[in-house]
Amino acid sequence: SMLAVQPDRRRADLYLAGHPVPLRLGPPAVLLPAGQRGRALGIP
């Protein structure tokens, strides 16, 4: 799971390679949106 936070600190890009979805702390804590998911590394 990789997160790229932009210099303005207001935007970020999330990359998922077969990994559990990160969460945003609250309360309440919630899962981040995961509409774009990729396969695990090494899976053919």
ModelCIF file with pLDDT and N, C-alpha, C, O atoms, coordinates in Angstrom:
data_MODEL
#
_entry.id   MODEL 
#
_entity.id                         1 
_entity.type                       polymer 
_entity.pdbx_number_of_molecules   1 
#
_entity_poly.entity_id                      1 
_entity_poly.type                           'polypeptide(L)' 
_entity_poly.nstd_linkage                   no 
_entity_poly.nstd_monomer                   no 
_entity_poly.pdbx_seq_one_letter_code       SMLAVQPDRRRADLYLAGHPVPLRLGPPAVLLPAGQRGRALGIP 
_entity_poly.pdbx_seq_one_letter_code_can   SMLAVQPDRRRADLYLAGHPVPLRLGPPAVLLPAGQRGRALGIP 
_entity_poly.pdbx_strand_id                 A 
#
loop_
_entity_poly_seq.entity_id 
_entity_poly_seq.num 
_entity_poly_seq.mon_id 
_entity_poly_seq.hetero 
1 1  SER n 
1 2  MET n 
1 3  LEU n 
1 4  ALA n 
1 5  VAL n 
1 6  GLN n 
1 7  PRO n 
1 8  ASP n 
1 9  ARG n 
1 10 ARG n 
1 11 ARG n 
1 12 ALA n 
1 13 ASP n 
1 14 LEU n 
1 15 TYR n 
1 16 LEU n 
1 17 ALA n 
1 18 GLY n 
1 19 HIS n 
1 20 PRO n 
1 21 VAL n 
1 22 PRO n 
1 23 LEU n 
1 24 ARG n 
1 25 LEU n 
1 26 GLY n 
1 27 PRO n 
1 28 PRO n 
1 29 ALA n 
1 30 VAL n 
1 31 LEU n 
1 32 LEU n 
1 33 PRO n 
1 34 ALA n 
1 35 GLY n 
1 36 GLN n 
1 37 ARG n 
1 38 GLY n 
1 39 ARG n 
1 40 ALA n 
1 41 LEU n 
1 42 GLY n 
1 43 ILE n 
1 44 PRO n 
#
_struct_asym.id          A 
_struct_asym.entity_id   1 
#
loop_
_ma_qa_metric.id 
_ma_qa_metric.mode 
_ma_qa_metric.name 
_ma_qa_metric.software_group_id 
_ma_qa_metric.type 
1 global pLDDT . pLDDT 
2 local  pLDDT . pLDDT 
#
_ma_qa_metric_global.metric_id      1 
_ma_qa_metric_global.metric_value   94.75 
_ma_qa_metric_global.model_id       1 
_ma_qa_metric_global.ordinal_id     1 
#
loop_
_ma_qa_metric_local.label_asym_id 
_ma_qa_metric_local.label_comp_id 
_ma_qa_metric_local.label_seq_id 
_ma_qa_metric_local.metric_id 
_ma_qa_metric_local.metric_value 
_ma_qa_metric_local.model_id 
_ma_qa_metric_local.ordinal_id 
A SER 1  2 97.00 1 1  
A MET 2  2 98.00 1 2  
A LEU 3  2 98.00 1 3  
A ALA 4  2 98.00 1 4  
A VAL 5  2 98.00 1 5  
A GLN 6  2 97.00 1 6  
A PRO 7  2 97.00 1 7  
A ASP 8  2 95.00 1 8  
A ARG 9  2 96.00 1 9  
A ARG 10 2 96.00 1 10 
A ARG 11 2 97.00 1 11 
A ALA 12 2 97.00 1 12 
A ASP 13 2 97.00 1 13 
A LEU 14 2 97.00 1 14 
A TYR 15 2 97.00 1 15 
A LEU 16 2 97.00 1 16 
A ALA 17 2 97.00 1 17 
A GLY 18 2 95.00 1 18 
A HIS 19 2 96.00 1 19 
A PRO 20 2 95.00 1 20 
A VAL 21 2 96.00 1 21 
A PRO 22 2 97.00 1 22 
A LEU 23 2 97.00 1 23 
A ARG 24 2 97.00 1 24 
A LEU 25 2 96.00 1 25 
A GLY 26 2 90.00 1 26 
A PRO 27 2 83.00 1 27 
A PRO 28 2 94.00 1 28 
A ALA 29 2 95.00 1 29 
A VAL 30 2 96.00 1 30 
A LEU 31 2 96.00 1 31 
A LEU 32 2 95.00 1 32 
A PRO 33 2 91.00 1 33 
A ALA 34 2 84.00 1 34 
A GLY 35 2 85.00 1 35 
A GLN 36 2 87.00 1 36 
A ARG 37 2 91.00 1 37 
A GLY 38 2 94.00 1 38 
A ARG 39 2 96.00 1 39 
A ALA 40 2 97.00 1 40 
A LEU 41 2 97.00 1 41 
A GLY 42 2 96.00 1 42 
A ILE 43 2 94.00 1 43 
A PRO 44 2 90.00 1 44 
#
loop_
_atom_site.group_PDB 
_atom_site.id 
_atom_site.type_symbol 
_atom_site.label_atom_id 
_atom_site.label_alt_id 
_atom_site.label_comp_id 
_atom_site.label_asym_id 
_atom_site.label_entity_id 
_atom_site.label_seq_id 
_atom_site.pdbx_PDB_ins_code 
_atom_site.Cartn_x 
_atom_site.Cartn_y 
_atom_site.Cartn_z 
_atom_site.occupancy 
_atom_site.B_iso_or_equiv 
_atom_site.pdbx_formal_charge 
_atom_site.auth_seq_id 
_atom_site.auth_comp_id 
_atom_site.auth_asym_id 
_atom_site.auth_atom_id 
_atom_site.pdbx_PDB_model_num 
ATOM 1   N N  . SER A 1 1  ? 0.872   -1.168  0.000   1.00 97.00 ? 1  SER A N  1 
ATOM 2   C CA . SER A 1 1  ? 0.000   0.000   0.000   1.00 97.00 ? 1  SER A CA 1 
ATOM 3   C C  . SER A 1 1  ? 0.906   1.215   0.000   1.00 97.00 ? 1  SER A C  1 
ATOM 4   O O  . SER A 1 1  ? 1.749   1.361   0.885   1.00 97.00 ? 1  SER A O  1 
ATOM 5   N N  . MET A 1 2  ? 0.741   2.093   -0.990  1.00 98.00 ? 2  MET A N  1 
ATOM 6   C CA . MET A 1 2  ? 1.635   3.250   -1.140  1.00 98.00 ? 2  MET A CA 1 
ATOM 7   C C  . MET A 1 2  ? 0.811   4.522   -1.263  1.00 98.00 ? 2  MET A C  1 
ATOM 8   O O  . MET A 1 2  ? -0.194  4.566   -1.973  1.00 98.00 ? 2  MET A O  1 
ATOM 9   N N  . LEU A 1 3  ? 1.253   5.546   -0.565  1.00 98.00 ? 3  LEU A N  1 
ATOM 10  C CA . LEU A 1 3  ? 0.575   6.838   -0.576  1.00 98.00 ? 3  LEU A CA 1 
ATOM 11  C C  . LEU A 1 3  ? 1.557   7.902   -1.028  1.00 98.00 ? 3  LEU A C  1 
ATOM 12  O O  . LEU A 1 3  ? 2.668   7.985   -0.505  1.00 98.00 ? 3  LEU A O  1 
ATOM 13  N N  . ALA A 1 4  ? 1.154   8.724   -2.004  1.00 98.00 ? 4  ALA A N  1 
ATOM 14  C CA . ALA A 1 4  ? 1.974   9.835   -2.485  1.00 98.00 ? 4  ALA A CA 1 
ATOM 15  C C  . ALA A 1 4  ? 1.252   11.139  -2.154  1.00 98.00 ? 4  ALA A C  1 
ATOM 16  O O  . ALA A 1 4  ? 0.292   11.510  -2.831  1.00 98.00 ? 4  ALA A O  1 
ATOM 17  N N  . VAL A 1 5  ? 1.712   11.829  -1.117  1.00 98.00 ? 5  VAL A N  1 
ATOM 18  C CA . VAL A 1 5  ? 1.092   13.076  -0.672  1.00 98.00 ? 5  VAL A CA 1 
ATOM 19  C C  . VAL A 1 5  ? 1.704   14.242  -1.448  1.00 98.00 ? 5  VAL A C  1 
ATOM 20  O O  . VAL A 1 5  ? 2.924   14.395  -1.501  1.00 98.00 ? 5  VAL A O  1 
ATOM 21  N N  . GLN A 1 6  ? 0.854   15.044  -2.037  1.00 97.00 ? 6  GLN A N  1 
ATOM 22  C CA . GLN A 1 6  ? 1.321   16.155  -2.852  1.00 97.00 ? 6  GLN A CA 1 
ATOM 23  C C  . GLN A 1 6  ? 1.923   17.262  -1.983  1.00 97.00 ? 6  GLN A C  1 
ATOM 24  O O  . GLN A 1 6  ? 1.628   17.333  -0.790  1.00 97.00 ? 6  GLN A O  1 
ATOM 25  N N  . PRO A 1 7  ? 2.763   18.129  -2.563  1.00 97.00 ? 7  PRO A N  1 
ATOM 26  C CA . PRO A 1 7  ? 3.410   19.197  -1.776  1.00 97.00 ? 7  PRO A CA 1 
ATOM 27  C C  . PRO A 1 7  ? 2.429   20.120  -1.072  1.00 97.00 ? 7  PRO A C  1 
ATOM 28  O O  . PRO A 1 7  ? 2.759   20.667  -0.020  1.00 97.00 ? 7  PRO A O  1 
ATOM 29  N N  . ASP A 1 8  ? 1.217   20.313  -1.626  1.00 95.00 ? 8  ASP A N  1 
ATOM 30  C CA . ASP A 1 8  ? 0.256   21.203  -0.971  1.00 95.00 ? 8  ASP A CA 1 
ATOM 31  C C  . ASP A 1 8  ? -0.415  20.562  0.237   1.00 95.00 ? 8  ASP A C  1 
ATOM 32  O O  . ASP A 1 8  ? -1.154  21.222  0.967   1.00 95.00 ? 8  ASP A O  1 
ATOM 33  N N  . ARG A 1 9  ? -0.152  19.250  0.449   1.00 96.00 ? 9  ARG A N  1 
ATOM 34  C CA . ARG A 1 9  ? -0.661  18.480  1.582   1.00 96.00 ? 9  ARG A CA 1 
ATOM 35  C C  . ARG A 1 9  ? -2.186  18.342  1.581   1.00 96.00 ? 9  ARG A C  1 
ATOM 36  O O  . ARG A 1 9  ? -2.752  17.853  2.558   1.00 96.00 ? 9  ARG A O  1 
ATOM 37  N N  . ARG A 1 10 ? -2.845  18.751  0.534   1.00 96.00 ? 10 ARG A N  1 
ATOM 38  C CA . ARG A 1 10 ? -4.303  18.643  0.452   1.00 96.00 ? 10 ARG A CA 1 
ATOM 39  C C  . ARG A 1 10 ? -4.758  17.499  -0.435  1.00 96.00 ? 10 ARG A C  1 
ATOM 40  O O  . ARG A 1 10 ? -5.927  17.114  -0.410  1.00 96.00 ? 10 ARG A O  1 
ATOM 41  N N  . ARG A 1 11 ? -3.858  16.970  -1.200  1.00 97.00 ? 11 ARG A N  1 
ATOM 42  C CA . ARG A 1 11 ? -4.193  15.885  -2.123  1.00 97.00 ? 11 ARG A CA 1 
ATOM 43  C C  . ARG A 1 11 ? -3.163  14.771  -1.993  1.00 97.00 ? 11 ARG A C  1 
ATOM 44  O O  . ARG A 1 11 ? -2.019  15.001  -1.600  1.00 97.00 ? 11 ARG A O  1 
ATOM 45  N N  . ALA A 1 12 ? -3.594  13.560  -2.331  1.00 97.00 ? 12 ALA A N  1 
ATOM 46  C CA . ALA A 1 12 ? -2.687  12.417  -2.313  1.00 97.00 ? 12 ALA A CA 1 
ATOM 47  C C  . ALA A 1 12 ? -3.181  11.386  -3.319  1.00 97.00 ? 12 ALA A C  1 
ATOM 48  O O  . ALA A 1 12 ? -4.360  11.351  -3.671  1.00 97.00 ? 12 ALA A O  1 
ATOM 49  N N  . ASP A 1 13 ? -2.267  10.559  -3.765  1.00 97.00 ? 13 ASP A N  1 
ATOM 50  C CA . ASP A 1 13 ? -2.609  9.433   -4.635  1.00 97.00 ? 13 ASP A CA 1 
ATOM 51  C C  . ASP A 1 13 ? -2.346  8.142   -3.872  1.00 97.00 ? 13 ASP A C  1 
ATOM 52  O O  . ASP A 1 13 ? -1.289  7.969   -3.265  1.00 97.00 ? 13 ASP A O  1 
ATOM 53  N N  . LEU A 1 14 ? -3.312  7.246   -3.911  1.00 97.00 ? 14 LEU A N  1 
ATOM 54  C CA . LEU A 1 14 ? -3.210  5.963   -3.223  1.00 97.00 ? 14 LEU A CA 1 
ATOM 55  C C  . LEU A 1 14 ? -3.029  4.852   -4.244  1.00 97.00 ? 14 LEU A C  1 
ATOM 56  O O  . LEU A 1 14 ? -3.774  4.761   -5.219  1.00 97.00 ? 14 LEU A O  1 
ATOM 57  N N  . TYR A 1 15 ? -2.024  4.001   -4.008  1.00 97.00 ? 15 TYR A N  1 
ATOM 58  C CA . TYR A 1 15 ? -1.745  2.857   -4.870  1.00 97.00 ? 15 TYR A CA 1 
ATOM 59  C C  . TYR A 1 15 ? -1.871  1.584   -4.026  1.00 97.00 ? 15 TYR A C  1 
ATOM 60  O O  . TYR A 1 15 ? -1.221  1.457   -2.988  1.00 97.00 ? 15 TYR A O  1 
ATOM 61  N N  . LEU A 1 16 ? -2.700  0.655   -4.472  1.00 97.00 ? 16 LEU A N  1 
ATOM 62  C CA . LEU A 1 16 ? -2.897  -0.599  -3.751  1.00 97.00 ? 16 LEU A CA 1 
ATOM 63  C C  . LEU A 1 16 ? -2.480  -1.765  -4.628  1.00 97.00 ? 16 LEU A C  1 
ATOM 64  O O  . LEU A 1 16 ? -2.991  -1.937  -5.735  1.00 97.00 ? 16 LEU A O  1 
ATOM 65  N N  . ALA A 1 17 ? -1.558  -2.557  -4.130  1.00 97.00 ? 17 ALA A N  1 
ATOM 66  C CA . ALA A 1 17 ? -1.117  -3.767  -4.834  1.00 97.00 ? 17 ALA A CA 1 
ATOM 67  C C  . ALA A 1 17 ? -1.512  -4.976  -3.987  1.00 97.00 ? 17 ALA A C  1 
ATOM 68  O O  . ALA A 1 17 ? -0.686  -5.563  -3.288  1.00 97.00 ? 17 ALA A O  1 
ATOM 69  N N  . GLY A 1 18 ? -2.800  -5.335  -4.065  1.00 95.00 ? 18 GLY A N  1 
ATOM 70  C CA . GLY A 1 18 ? -3.296  -6.492  -3.336  1.00 95.00 ? 18 GLY A CA 1 
ATOM 71  C C  . GLY A 1 18 ? -3.270  -6.333  -1.833  1.00 95.00 ? 18 GLY A C  1 
ATOM 72  O O  . GLY A 1 18 ? -3.286  -7.328  -1.109  1.00 95.00 ? 18 GLY A O  1 
ATOM 73  N N  . HIS A 1 19 ? -3.229  -5.093  -1.343  1.00 96.00 ? 19 HIS A N  1 
ATOM 74  C CA . HIS A 1 19 ? -3.013  -4.833  0.084   1.00 96.00 ? 19 HIS A CA 1 
ATOM 75  C C  . HIS A 1 19 ? -4.282  -4.291  0.724   1.00 96.00 ? 19 HIS A C  1 
ATOM 76  O O  . HIS A 1 19 ? -5.103  -3.687  0.033   1.00 96.00 ? 19 HIS A O  1 
ATOM 77  N N  . PRO A 1 20 ? -4.467  -4.492  2.048   1.00 95.00 ? 20 PRO A N  1 
ATOM 78  C CA . PRO A 1 20 ? -5.618  -3.912  2.735   1.00 95.00 ? 20 PRO A CA 1 
ATOM 79  C C  . PRO A 1 20 ? -5.693  -2.397  2.565   1.00 95.00 ? 20 PRO A C  1 
ATOM 80  O O  . PRO A 1 20 ? -4.669  -1.718  2.489   1.00 95.00 ? 20 PRO A O  1 
ATOM 81  N N  . VAL A 1 21 ? -6.922  -1.878  2.507   1.00 96.00 ? 21 VAL A N  1 
ATOM 82  C CA . VAL A 1 21 ? -7.151  -0.456  2.271   1.00 96.00 ? 21 VAL A CA 1 
ATOM 83  C C  . VAL A 1 21 ? -6.785  0.345   3.523   1.00 96.00 ? 21 VAL A C  1 
ATOM 84  O O  . VAL A 1 21 ? -7.210  -0.015  4.621   1.00 96.00 ? 21 VAL A O  1 
ATOM 85  N N  . PRO A 1 22 ? -6.005  1.425   3.382   1.00 97.00 ? 22 PRO A N  1 
ATOM 86  C CA . PRO A 1 22 ? -5.705  2.278   4.540   1.00 97.00 ? 22 PRO A CA 1 
ATOM 87  C C  . PRO A 1 22 ? -6.972  2.925   5.084   1.00 97.00 ? 22 PRO A C  1 
ATOM 88  O O  . PRO A 1 22 ? -8.035  2.851   4.467   1.00 97.00 ? 22 PRO A O  1 
ATOM 89  N N  . LEU A 1 23 ? -6.850  3.547   6.225   1.00 97.00 ? 23 LEU A N  1 
ATOM 90  C CA . LEU A 1 23 ? -8.013  4.209   6.812   1.00 97.00 ? 23 LEU A CA 1 
ATOM 91  C C  . LEU A 1 23 ? -7.673  5.636   7.203   1.00 97.00 ? 23 LEU A C  1 
ATOM 92  O O  . LEU A 1 23 ? -6.514  6.000   7.401   1.00 97.00 ? 23 LEU A O  1 
ATOM 93  N N  . ARG A 1 24 ? -8.736  6.432   7.305   1.00 97.00 ? 24 ARG A N  1 
ATOM 94  C CA . ARG A 1 24 ? -8.603  7.828   7.729   1.00 97.00 ? 24 ARG A CA 1 
ATOM 95  C C  . ARG A 1 24 ? -9.101  7.926   9.160   1.00 97.00 ? 24 ARG A C  1 
ATOM 96  O O  . ARG A 1 24 ? -10.214 7.507   9.476   1.00 97.00 ? 24 ARG A O  1 
ATOM 97  N N  . LEU A 1 25 ? -8.255  8.489   10.025  1.00 96.00 ? 25 LEU A N  1 
ATOM 98  C CA . LEU A 1 25 ? -8.614  8.593   11.426  1.00 96.00 ? 25 LEU A CA 1 
ATOM 99  C C  . LEU A 1 25 ? -9.677  9.652   11.619  1.00 96.00 ? 25 LEU A C  1 
ATOM 100 O O  . LEU A 1 25 ? -9.724  10.645  10.893  1.00 96.00 ? 25 LEU A O  1 
ATOM 101 N N  . GLY A 1 26 ? -10.528 9.433   12.600  1.00 90.00 ? 26 GLY A N  1 
ATOM 102 C CA . GLY A 1 26 ? -11.577 10.368  12.954  1.00 90.00 ? 26 GLY A CA 1 
ATOM 103 C C  . GLY A 1 26 ? -11.342 10.952  14.340  1.00 90.00 ? 26 GLY A C  1 
ATOM 104 O O  . GLY A 1 26 ? -10.354 11.653  14.556  1.00 90.00 ? 26 GLY A O  1 
ATOM 105 N N  . PRO A 1 27 ? -12.224 10.675  15.266  1.00 83.00 ? 27 PRO A N  1 
ATOM 106 C CA . PRO A 1 27 ? -13.307 9.691   15.086  1.00 83.00 ? 27 PRO A CA 1 
ATOM 107 C C  . PRO A 1 27 ? -14.503 10.258  14.335  1.00 83.00 ? 27 PRO A C  1 
ATOM 108 O O  . PRO A 1 27 ? -14.773 11.458  14.390  1.00 83.00 ? 27 PRO A O  1 
ATOM 109 N N  . PRO A 1 28 ? -15.220 9.379   13.629  1.00 94.00 ? 28 PRO A N  1 
ATOM 110 C CA . PRO A 1 28 ? -14.926 7.943   13.523  1.00 94.00 ? 28 PRO A CA 1 
ATOM 111 C C  . PRO A 1 28 ? -13.915 7.677   12.419  1.00 94.00 ? 28 PRO A C  1 
ATOM 112 O O  . PRO A 1 28 ? -13.871 8.391   11.418  1.00 94.00 ? 28 PRO A O  1 
ATOM 113 N N  . ALA A 1 29 ? -13.105 6.644   12.610  1.00 95.00 ? 29 ALA A N  1 
ATOM 114 C CA . ALA A 1 29 ? -12.176 6.214   11.568  1.00 95.00 ? 29 ALA A CA 1 
ATOM 115 C C  . ALA A 1 29 ? -12.968 5.539   10.451  1.00 95.00 ? 29 ALA A C  1 
ATOM 116 O O  . ALA A 1 29 ? -13.936 4.823   10.704  1.00 95.00 ? 29 ALA A O  1 
ATOM 117 N N  . VAL A 1 30 ? -12.545 5.779   9.223   1.00 96.00 ? 30 VAL A N  1 
ATOM 118 C CA . VAL A 1 30 ? -13.230 5.196   8.067   1.00 96.00 ? 30 VAL A CA 1 
ATOM 119 C C  . VAL A 1 30 ? -12.186 4.686   7.083   1.00 96.00 ? 30 VAL A C  1 
ATOM 120 O O  . VAL A 1 30 ? -11.064 5.192   7.037   1.00 96.00 ? 30 VAL A O  1 
ATOM 121 N N  . LEU A 1 31 ? -12.557 3.690   6.303   1.00 96.00 ? 31 LEU A N  1 
ATOM 122 C CA . LEU A 1 31 ? -11.679 3.200   5.251   1.00 96.00 ? 31 LEU A CA 1 
ATOM 123 C C  . LEU A 1 31 ? -11.633 4.205   4.110   1.00 96.00 ? 31 LEU A C  1 
ATOM 124 O O  . LEU A 1 31 ? -12.643 4.827   3.781   1.00 96.00 ? 31 LEU A O  1 
ATOM 125 N N  . LEU A 1 32 ? -10.465 4.362   3.513   1.00 95.00 ? 32 LEU A N  1 
ATOM 126 C CA . LEU A 1 32 ? -10.343 5.226   2.347   1.00 95.00 ? 32 LEU A CA 1 
ATOM 127 C C  . LEU A 1 32 ? -11.044 4.586   1.153   1.00 95.00 ? 32 LEU A C  1 
ATOM 128 O O  . LEU A 1 32 ? -11.185 3.364   1.107   1.00 95.00 ? 32 LEU A O  1 
ATOM 129 N N  . PRO A 1 33 ? -11.479 5.381   0.198   1.00 91.00 ? 33 PRO A N  1 
ATOM 130 C CA . PRO A 1 33 ? -12.071 4.801   -1.007  1.00 91.00 ? 33 PRO A CA 1 
ATOM 131 C C  . PRO A 1 33 ? -11.046 3.970   -1.760  1.00 91.00 ? 33 PRO A C  1 
ATOM 132 O O  . PRO A 1 33 ? -9.872  4.333   -1.840  1.00 91.00 ? 33 PRO A O  1 
ATOM 133 N N  . ALA A 1 34 ? -11.498 2.861   -2.305  1.00 84.00 ? 34 ALA A N  1 
ATOM 134 C CA . ALA A 1 34 ? -10.577 1.946   -2.982  1.00 84.00 ? 34 ALA A CA 1 
ATOM 135 C C  . ALA A 1 34 ? -11.151 1.508   -4.322  1.00 84.00 ? 34 ALA A C  1 
ATOM 136 O O  . ALA A 1 34 ? -11.186 0.318   -4.637  1.00 84.00 ? 34 ALA A O  1 
ATOM 137 N N  . GLY A 1 35 ? -11.599 2.484   -5.105  1.00 85.00 ? 35 GLY A N  1 
ATOM 138 C CA . GLY A 1 35 ? -12.136 2.138   -6.410  1.00 85.00 ? 35 GLY A CA 1 
ATOM 139 C C  . GLY A 1 35 ? -11.081 1.662   -7.381  1.00 85.00 ? 35 GLY A C  1 
ATOM 140 O O  . GLY A 1 35 ? -11.378 0.916   -8.315  1.00 85.00 ? 35 GLY A O  1 
ATOM 141 N N  . GLN A 1 36 ? -9.827  2.097   -7.163  1.00 87.00 ? 36 GLN A N  1 
ATOM 142 C CA . GLN A 1 36 ? -8.721  1.702   -8.034  1.00 87.00 ? 36 GLN A CA 1 
ATOM 143 C C  . GLN A 1 36 ? -7.797  0.755   -7.265  1.00 87.00 ? 36 GLN A C  1 
ATOM 144 O O  . GLN A 1 36 ? -7.037  1.192   -6.400  1.00 87.00 ? 36 GLN A O  1 
ATOM 145 N N  . ARG A 1 37 ? -7.862  -0.519  -7.577  1.00 91.00 ? 37 ARG A N  1 
ATOM 146 C CA . ARG A 1 37 ? -7.033  -1.508  -6.895  1.00 91.00 ? 37 ARG A CA 1 
ATOM 147 C C  . ARG A 1 37 ? -6.211  -2.275  -7.927  1.00 91.00 ? 37 ARG A C  1 
ATOM 148 O O  . ARG A 1 37 ? -6.675  -2.549  -9.034  1.00 91.00 ? 37 ARG A O  1 
ATOM 149 N N  . GLY A 1 38 ? -5.002  -2.611  -7.547  1.00 94.00 ? 38 GLY A N  1 
ATOM 150 C CA . GLY A 1 38 ? -4.139  -3.392  -8.428  1.00 94.00 ? 38 GLY A CA 1 
ATOM 151 C C  . GLY A 1 38 ? -3.803  -4.732  -7.795  1.00 94.00 ? 38 GLY A C  1 
ATOM 152 O O  . GLY A 1 38 ? -4.061  -4.962  -6.614  1.00 94.00 ? 38 GLY A O  1 
ATOM 153 N N  . ARG A 1 39 ? -3.233  -5.594  -8.590  1.00 96.00 ? 39 ARG A N  1 
ATOM 154 C CA . ARG A 1 39 ? -2.877  -6.939  -8.125  1.00 96.00 ? 39 ARG A CA 1 
ATOM 155 C C  . ARG A 1 39 ? -1.632  -6.889  -7.240  1.00 96.00 ? 39 ARG A C  1 
ATOM 156 O O  . ARG A 1 39 ? -0.893  -5.904  -7.243  1.00 96.00 ? 39 ARG A O  1 
ATOM 157 N N  . ALA A 1 40 ? -1.413  -7.963  -6.485  1.00 97.00 ? 40 ALA A N  1 
ATOM 158 C CA . ALA A 1 40 ? -0.193  -8.078  -5.689  1.00 97.00 ? 40 ALA A CA 1 
ATOM 159 C C  . ALA A 1 40 ? 1.014   -8.182  -6.604  1.00 97.00 ? 40 ALA A C  1 
ATOM 160 O O  . ALA A 1 40 ? 0.904   -8.694  -7.718  1.00 97.00 ? 40 ALA A O  1 
ATOM 161 N N  . LEU A 1 41 ? 2.149   -7.710  -6.152  1.00 97.00 ? 41 LEU A N  1 
ATOM 162 C CA . LEU A 1 41 ? 3.376   -7.797  -6.939  1.00 97.00 ? 41 LEU A CA 1 
ATOM 163 C C  . LEU A 1 41 ? 3.815   -9.254  -7.027  1.00 97.00 ? 41 LEU A C  1 
ATOM 164 O O  . LEU A 1 41 ? 3.815   -9.981  -6.033  1.00 97.00 ? 41 LEU A O  1 
ATOM 165 N N  . GLY A 1 42 ? 4.186   -9.663  -8.231  1.00 96.00 ? 42 GLY A N  1 
ATOM 166 C CA . GLY A 1 42 ? 4.664   -11.028 -8.414  1.00 96.00 ? 42 GLY A CA 1 
ATOM 167 C C  . GLY A 1 42 ? 3.610   -11.998 -8.861  1.00 96.00 ? 42 GLY A C  1 
ATOM 168 O O  . GLY A 1 42 ? 3.930   -13.153 -9.144  1.00 96.00 ? 42 GLY A O  1 
ATOM 169 N N  . ILE A 1 43 ? 2.352   -11.578 -8.939  1.00 94.00 ? 43 ILE A N  1 
ATOM 170 C CA . ILE A 1 43 ? 1.277   -12.448 -9.417  1.00 94.00 ? 43 ILE A CA 1 
ATOM 171 C C  . ILE A 1 43 ? 1.231   -12.356 -10.945 1.00 94.00 ? 43 ILE A C  1 
ATOM 172 O O  . ILE A 1 43 ? 1.078   -11.260 -11.484 1.00 94.00 ? 43 ILE A O  1 
ATOM 173 N N  . PRO A 1 44 ? 1.360   -13.473 -11.647 1.00 90.00 ? 44 PRO A N  1 
ATOM 174 C CA . PRO A 1 44 ? 1.455   -13.438 -13.117 1.00 90.00 ? 44 PRO A CA 1 
ATOM 175 C C  . PRO A 1 44 ? 0.110   -13.276 -13.820 1.00 90.00 ? 44 PRO A C  1 
ATOM 176 O O  . PRO A 1 44 ? 0.057   -13.232 -15.049 1.00 90.00 ? 44 PRO A O  1 
#
